[in-house]
């Protein structure tokens, strides 16, 4: 076999070297495909983020700013007054009354929600009832959660009216001589609105705890039975520990929601009579729209926000520890 001519071999080597050392085309400027992919999640959440900034963060910042000024909106030239508004609100006896009523209303409601929700959840989870009976009871127990706050308030105002159904039953049974003013009696009004809130809120606990009960492995109860544990011991040693994460989460959420309850109180008693049902929410509302002291109302709202944020921090920490 004859080898290639020297001139042809040299030309071939020169062409190969030239092609190998050809300059690369200039790199296009801009984001690479990997950079665009990293920005995709932010593009998806940007509409929601913009709405939150416009509808939440900016108003919250404005309210915080108002709390350090003398009366805004009605005053054309408000002046910076520092923490004077906070001192006035925190030393106001009506604020102390509202804070005390809110604590009683909130803690009682949350405790009752937990107890009733757990009792009804265990009732719906028991094997002693048929599936048809469970469906009927589940519908009845869940019914209060389907009503709006306005419907709940109007419904119970009619039921608790001196000429309403409840007073008719009490008079018929001889338990009362005349109709009782449940929502107008200073000694009964706070208990009445608390009862209404308990009735309207326990289904939220019931559904969540029922889901938790159905997720507990039966092996744990079988092992406890083999060890000789009674029903009561199984409840405290198996059921409650398994439900503890759900119970803590639900209680923290309910504390936040109930402490800010406004519509139910406003549509039943309006904070009366003589401030016995005054809550922080109604106190703040009256400062703004009854007394037109918008700076004081902003200060009260910031205080409520700070208290809510404390509960929110505990909730977030619990969720992270749970995960």
Protein backbone atom coordinates (compact mmCIF):
# COMPACT_ATOMS: atom_id res chain seq x y z
CA UNK A 1 0.00 0.00 0.00
CA UNK A 2 1.36 3.40 -0.99
CA UNK A 3 1.31 6.31 1.46
CA UNK A 4 -0.34 9.68 0.74
CA UNK A 5 1.81 12.23 -1.07
CA UNK A 6 3.66 14.53 1.34
CA UNK A 7 2.00 17.67 -0.07
CA UNK A 8 -1.53 16.25 0.38
CA UNK A 9 -0.75 15.11 3.96
CA UNK A 10 0.59 18.56 4.88
CA UNK A 11 -2.50 20.26 3.44
CA UNK A 12 -4.77 17.93 5.37
CA UNK A 13 -2.92 18.60 8.64
CA UNK A 14 -3.07 22.37 8.03
CA UNK A 15 -6.86 22.27 7.41
CA UNK A 16 -7.43 20.19 10.56
CA UNK A 17 -5.33 22.54 12.71
CA UNK A 18 -7.12 25.60 11.29
CA UNK A 19 -10.57 24.11 11.92
CA UNK A 20 -9.62 23.13 15.45
CA UNK A 21 -8.37 26.60 16.32
CA UNK A 22 -11.29 28.50 14.74
CA UNK A 23 -12.60 31.22 17.06
CA UNK A 24 -15.84 30.41 18.90
CA UNK A 25 -18.88 32.59 18.24
CA UNK A 26 -19.41 35.29 20.88
CA UNK A 27 -21.51 34.23 23.86
CA UNK A 28 -24.97 35.73 23.88
CA UNK A 29 -25.63 38.11 26.70
CA UNK A 30 -28.61 37.70 29.03
CA UNK A 31 -29.94 35.06 31.40
CA UNK A 32 -29.04 31.48 30.76
CA UNK A 33 -31.70 28.77 30.68
CA UNK A 34 -30.71 27.67 34.19
CA UNK A 35 -31.08 31.25 35.45
CA UNK A 36 -34.54 31.50 33.94
CA UNK A 37 -35.54 28.24 35.55
CA UNK A 38 -34.45 29.57 38.93
CA UNK A 39 -36.70 32.60 38.44
CA UNK A 40 -39.76 30.58 37.45
CA UNK A 41 -41.03 30.02 41.04
CA UNK A 42 -40.82 33.77 41.74
CA UNK A 43 -42.78 34.47 38.55
CA UNK A 44 -45.56 32.14 39.69
CA UNK A 45 -45.88 33.73 43.15
CA UNK A 46 -45.39 37.31 41.95
CA UNK A 47 -49.14 38.06 41.44
CA UNK A 48 -49.95 36.91 44.97
CA UNK A 49 -46.91 38.70 46.38
CA UNK A 50 -47.92 41.95 44.68
CA UNK A 51 -51.47 41.67 46.04
CA UNK A 52 -50.17 41.00 49.56
CA UNK A 53 -47.86 44.00 49.38
CA UNK A 54 -50.58 46.31 48.08
CA UNK A 55 -53.45 45.03 50.23
CA UNK A 56 -51.59 44.06 53.42
CA UNK A 57 -48.08 45.36 53.90
CA UNK A 58 -48.73 48.92 52.73
CA UNK A 59 -51.92 49.35 54.85
CA UNK A 60 -50.17 47.84 57.88
CA UNK A 61 -47.28 50.26 57.42
CA UNK A 62 -49.70 53.18 57.13
CA UNK A 63 -51.53 52.16 60.32
CA UNK A 64 -48.24 51.83 62.21
CA UNK A 65 -47.28 55.30 61.00
CA UNK A 66 -50.65 56.73 62.06
CA UNK A 67 -50.17 55.36 65.57
CA UNK A 68 -47.24 57.75 66.11
CA UNK A 69 -49.15 60.85 64.96
CA UNK A 70 -51.82 62.97 66.55
CA UNK A 71 -55.27 62.54 65.11
CA UNK A 72 -54.86 61.80 61.40
CA UNK A 73 -57.42 61.97 58.57
CA UNK A 74 -59.53 64.54 60.44
CA UNK A 75 -56.45 66.69 61.05
CA UNK A 76 -54.97 68.31 57.94
CA UNK A 77 -51.54 68.74 59.54
CA UNK A 78 -50.89 65.79 61.87
CA UNK A 79 -47.81 65.97 64.04
CA UNK A 80 -45.49 63.29 65.35
CA UNK A 81 -46.26 62.53 69.02
CA UNK A 82 -44.07 59.48 69.62
CA UNK A 83 -45.51 56.88 71.97
CA UNK A 84 -48.09 59.19 73.56
CA UNK A 85 -50.93 57.34 71.83
CA UNK A 86 -49.69 54.01 73.18
CA UNK A 87 -49.56 55.42 76.70
CA UNK A 88 -53.10 56.77 76.36
CA UNK A 89 -54.49 53.49 75.05
CA UNK A 90 -52.70 51.24 77.53
CA UNK A 91 -53.87 53.39 80.46
CA UNK A 92 -57.47 53.66 79.24
CA UNK A 93 -59.88 51.76 81.56
CA UNK A 94 -62.01 50.81 78.58
CA UNK A 95 -59.01 49.13 76.99
CA UNK A 96 -58.46 47.14 80.19
CA UNK A 97 -62.12 46.10 80.15
CA UNK A 98 -61.91 45.08 76.51
CA UNK A 99 -58.70 43.14 77.13
CA UNK A 100 -60.19 41.26 80.08
CA UNK A 101 -63.37 40.42 78.17
CA UNK A 102 -61.32 39.25 75.20
CA UNK A 103 -59.24 36.94 77.40
CA UNK A 104 -62.33 35.40 79.01
CA UNK A 105 -64.13 35.09 75.70
CA UNK A 106 -61.12 33.62 73.87
CA UNK A 107 -59.85 31.17 76.47
CA UNK A 108 -63.32 29.85 77.29
CA UNK A 109 -64.20 29.44 73.62
CA UNK A 110 -60.96 27.64 72.72
CA UNK A 111 -61.22 25.26 75.69
CA UNK A 112 -64.86 24.44 74.87
CA UNK A 113 -64.06 24.03 71.17
CA UNK A 114 -61.36 21.51 72.05
CA UNK A 115 -63.50 19.49 74.48
CA UNK A 116 -66.62 19.41 72.30
CA UNK A 117 -64.65 18.78 69.13
CA UNK A 118 -62.80 15.85 70.71
CA UNK A 119 -65.98 14.35 72.22
CA UNK A 120 -67.93 14.52 68.96
CA UNK A 121 -64.95 13.31 66.94
CA UNK A 122 -64.60 10.23 69.15
CA UNK A 123 -68.34 9.66 68.91
CA UNK A 124 -68.18 9.71 65.10
CA UNK A 125 -65.12 7.45 65.13
CA UNK A 126 -66.59 4.74 67.36
CA UNK A 127 -67.43 1.37 65.77
CA UNK A 128 -70.61 1.18 67.85
CA UNK A 129 -72.50 3.37 65.37
CA UNK A 130 -73.48 2.30 61.88
CA UNK A 131 -72.25 4.18 58.84
CA UNK A 132 -75.72 5.64 58.25
CA UNK A 133 -75.91 6.93 61.83
CA UNK A 134 -72.44 8.44 61.54
CA UNK A 135 -73.44 10.23 58.34
CA UNK A 136 -76.52 11.73 60.02
CA UNK A 137 -74.62 12.85 63.13
CA UNK A 138 -71.74 14.17 61.03
CA UNK A 139 -74.18 16.38 59.11
CA UNK A 140 -75.86 17.64 62.28
CA UNK A 141 -72.62 18.36 64.12
CA UNK A 142 -71.01 20.04 61.13
CA UNK A 143 -74.03 22.23 60.35
CA UNK A 144 -72.97 25.26 62.50
CA UNK A 145 -69.73 25.60 60.52
CA UNK A 146 -71.70 26.06 57.30
CA UNK A 147 -73.49 29.18 58.53
CA UNK A 148 -71.95 32.60 58.01
CA UNK A 149 -71.34 34.83 61.01
CA UNK A 150 -74.27 37.04 60.02
CA UNK A 151 -76.67 34.09 59.93
CA UNK A 152 -75.39 32.82 63.28
CA UNK A 153 -75.81 36.24 64.89
CA UNK A 154 -79.34 36.78 63.56
CA UNK A 155 -80.38 33.22 64.38
CA UNK A 156 -79.28 33.42 68.00
CA UNK A 157 -80.69 36.91 68.48
CA UNK A 158 -84.07 35.48 67.52
CA UNK A 159 -83.65 32.41 69.73
CA UNK A 160 -82.50 34.43 72.76
CA UNK A 161 -85.10 37.17 72.34
CA UNK A 162 -87.41 37.59 75.35
CA UNK A 163 -90.20 36.36 73.07
CA UNK A 164 -88.03 33.75 71.40
CA UNK A 165 -88.08 29.97 71.45
CA UNK A 166 -85.63 29.50 74.33
CA UNK A 167 -87.55 31.81 76.66
CA UNK A 168 -90.81 30.13 75.63
CA UNK A 169 -89.38 26.75 76.65
CA UNK A 170 -88.08 28.14 79.94
CA UNK A 171 -91.44 29.69 80.83
CA UNK A 172 -93.35 26.59 79.74
CA UNK A 173 -91.21 24.34 81.94
CA UNK A 174 -91.56 26.73 84.85
CA UNK A 175 -87.85 27.52 84.95
CA UNK A 176 -88.50 31.25 84.53
CA UNK A 177 -91.40 33.55 85.31
CA UNK A 178 -90.78 35.84 82.34
CA UNK A 179 -88.54 36.18 79.34
CA UNK A 180 -84.84 36.57 80.11
CA UNK A 181 -82.84 39.29 78.34
CA UNK A 182 -79.83 37.10 77.60
CA UNK A 183 -78.09 39.65 75.38
CA UNK A 184 -79.16 42.75 77.33
CA UNK A 185 -78.55 41.56 80.89
CA UNK A 186 -75.04 42.66 82.06
CA UNK A 187 -74.71 39.48 84.11
CA UNK A 188 -75.56 37.17 81.16
CA UNK A 189 -74.43 38.96 77.99
CA UNK A 190 -70.78 37.84 77.99
CA UNK A 191 -71.74 34.24 78.74
CA UNK A 192 -74.36 34.36 75.99
CA UNK A 193 -72.02 35.58 73.23
CA UNK A 194 -69.36 33.11 74.40
CA UNK A 195 -71.88 30.28 74.14
CA UNK A 196 -72.84 31.40 70.62
CA UNK A 197 -69.19 31.47 69.55
CA UNK A 198 -68.63 28.00 71.03
CA UNK A 199 -71.62 26.62 69.14
CA UNK A 200 -70.44 28.14 65.87
CA UNK A 201 -66.78 27.10 66.16
CA UNK A 202 -66.52 23.57 67.54
CA UNK A 203 -67.05 21.79 64.15
CA UNK A 204 -63.65 23.04 62.99
CA UNK A 205 -62.01 21.12 65.82
CA UNK A 206 -64.30 18.13 65.33
CA UNK A 207 -63.40 17.60 61.67
CA UNK A 208 -59.66 18.02 62.25
CA UNK A 209 -59.59 15.71 65.27
CA UNK A 210 -61.75 13.14 63.48
CA UNK A 211 -59.19 13.01 60.68
CA UNK A 212 -56.45 12.59 63.29
CA UNK A 213 -58.32 9.76 65.04
CA UNK A 214 -58.80 7.90 61.78
CA UNK A 215 -55.07 8.14 61.15
CA UNK A 216 -54.01 6.47 64.41
CA UNK A 217 -52.80 2.89 63.71
CA UNK A 218 -54.98 0.19 65.30
CA UNK A 219 -51.81 -1.69 66.24
CA UNK A 220 -51.17 0.82 69.03
CA UNK A 221 -54.53 0.07 70.65
CA UNK A 222 -54.05 -3.67 70.21
CA UNK A 223 -50.64 -3.48 71.87
CA UNK A 224 -52.09 -1.41 74.72
CA UNK A 225 -54.89 -3.97 75.17
CA UNK A 226 -52.37 -6.81 75.31
CA UNK A 227 -50.48 -4.87 78.00
CA UNK A 228 -53.68 -4.69 80.04
CA UNK A 229 -54.44 -0.97 79.55
CA UNK A 230 -58.00 0.13 80.18
CA UNK A 231 -60.01 2.34 77.85
CA UNK A 232 -59.16 5.39 79.92
CA UNK A 233 -55.45 4.51 79.93
CA UNK A 234 -55.52 3.98 76.16
CA UNK A 235 -57.10 7.41 75.75
CA UNK A 236 -54.37 9.17 77.73
CA UNK A 237 -51.43 7.02 76.59
CA UNK A 238 -52.30 6.46 72.92
CA UNK A 239 -55.01 8.81 71.67
CA UNK A 240 -53.88 12.10 73.22
CA UNK A 241 -50.16 11.69 72.36
CA UNK A 242 -51.05 10.86 68.76
CA UNK A 243 -53.37 13.89 68.53
CA UNK A 244 -51.05 16.30 70.36
CA UNK A 245 -49.60 17.97 67.19
CA UNK A 246 -53.12 18.56 65.81
CA UNK A 247 -54.42 19.82 69.16
CA UNK A 248 -51.60 22.34 69.56
CA UNK A 249 -51.96 23.62 66.00
CA UNK A 250 -55.74 23.95 66.27
CA UNK A 251 -55.58 25.70 69.63
CA UNK A 252 -53.04 28.27 68.43
CA UNK A 253 -55.07 29.00 65.29
CA UNK A 254 -58.28 29.27 67.29
CA UNK A 255 -56.64 31.63 69.77
CA UNK A 256 -55.68 33.95 66.91
CA UNK A 257 -59.09 33.79 65.22
CA UNK A 258 -61.23 34.08 68.35
CA UNK A 259 -59.24 36.96 69.83
CA UNK A 260 -60.04 38.96 66.68
CA UNK A 261 -63.75 38.09 66.58
CA UNK A 262 -65.70 41.17 65.60
CA UNK A 263 -68.74 40.44 63.47
CA UNK A 264 -70.43 38.11 65.96
CA UNK A 265 -70.03 40.56 68.86
CA UNK A 266 -71.04 43.59 66.82
CA UNK A 267 -74.18 41.96 65.40
CA UNK A 268 -75.40 40.58 68.73
CA UNK A 269 -74.54 43.06 71.48
CA UNK A 270 -72.37 45.74 69.87
CA UNK A 271 -70.04 45.54 72.87
CA UNK A 272 -72.80 46.32 75.35
CA UNK A 273 -74.57 46.49 77.63
CA UNK A 274 -72.31 48.91 79.54
CA UNK A 275 -69.21 47.42 77.90
CA UNK A 276 -69.60 43.95 79.43
CA UNK A 277 -69.04 42.36 75.99
CA UNK A 278 -66.56 44.95 74.72
CA UNK A 279 -63.70 43.22 72.92
CA UNK A 280 -60.45 44.60 71.55
CA UNK A 281 -61.94 44.46 68.05
CA UNK A 282 -65.08 46.44 68.95
CA UNK A 283 -63.04 48.84 71.09
CA UNK A 284 -60.80 49.60 68.11
CA UNK A 285 -63.76 49.97 65.76
CA UNK A 286 -65.52 52.43 68.06
CA UNK A 287 -62.38 54.53 68.41
CA UNK A 288 -62.25 54.92 64.64
CA UNK A 289 -65.87 55.16 63.54
CA UNK A 290 -67.73 56.35 66.63
CA UNK A 291 -65.23 58.75 68.17
CA UNK A 292 -63.24 59.46 64.98
CA UNK A 293 -59.94 59.12 66.85
CA UNK A 294 -58.14 57.37 64.03
CA UNK A 295 -54.68 57.63 65.56
CA UNK A 296 -55.89 56.02 68.78
CA UNK A 297 -57.68 53.35 66.74
CA UNK A 298 -54.47 52.72 64.79
CA UNK A 299 -52.58 52.38 68.06
CA UNK A 300 -55.10 49.86 69.38
CA UNK A 301 -54.91 47.95 66.10
CA UNK A 302 -51.11 47.81 66.30
CA UNK A 303 -51.33 46.44 69.84
CA UNK A 304 -53.75 43.75 68.69
CA UNK A 305 -51.42 42.98 65.77
CA UNK A 306 -48.48 42.60 68.13
CA UNK A 307 -50.43 40.19 70.37
CA UNK A 308 -51.50 38.19 67.33
CA UNK A 309 -47.94 38.06 66.02
CA UNK A 310 -46.77 36.52 69.29
CA UNK A 311 -49.28 33.69 68.83
CA UNK A 312 -48.33 33.41 65.16
CA UNK A 313 -44.64 32.98 66.08
CA UNK A 314 -45.52 30.10 68.41
CA UNK A 315 -47.65 28.53 65.68
CA UNK A 316 -44.89 28.76 63.06
CA UNK A 317 -42.30 27.34 65.47
CA UNK A 318 -44.61 24.46 66.29
CA UNK A 319 -45.19 23.71 62.61
CA UNK A 320 -41.44 23.70 61.92
CA UNK A 321 -40.79 21.41 64.85
CA UNK A 322 -43.60 19.16 63.66
CA UNK A 323 -42.16 18.94 60.15
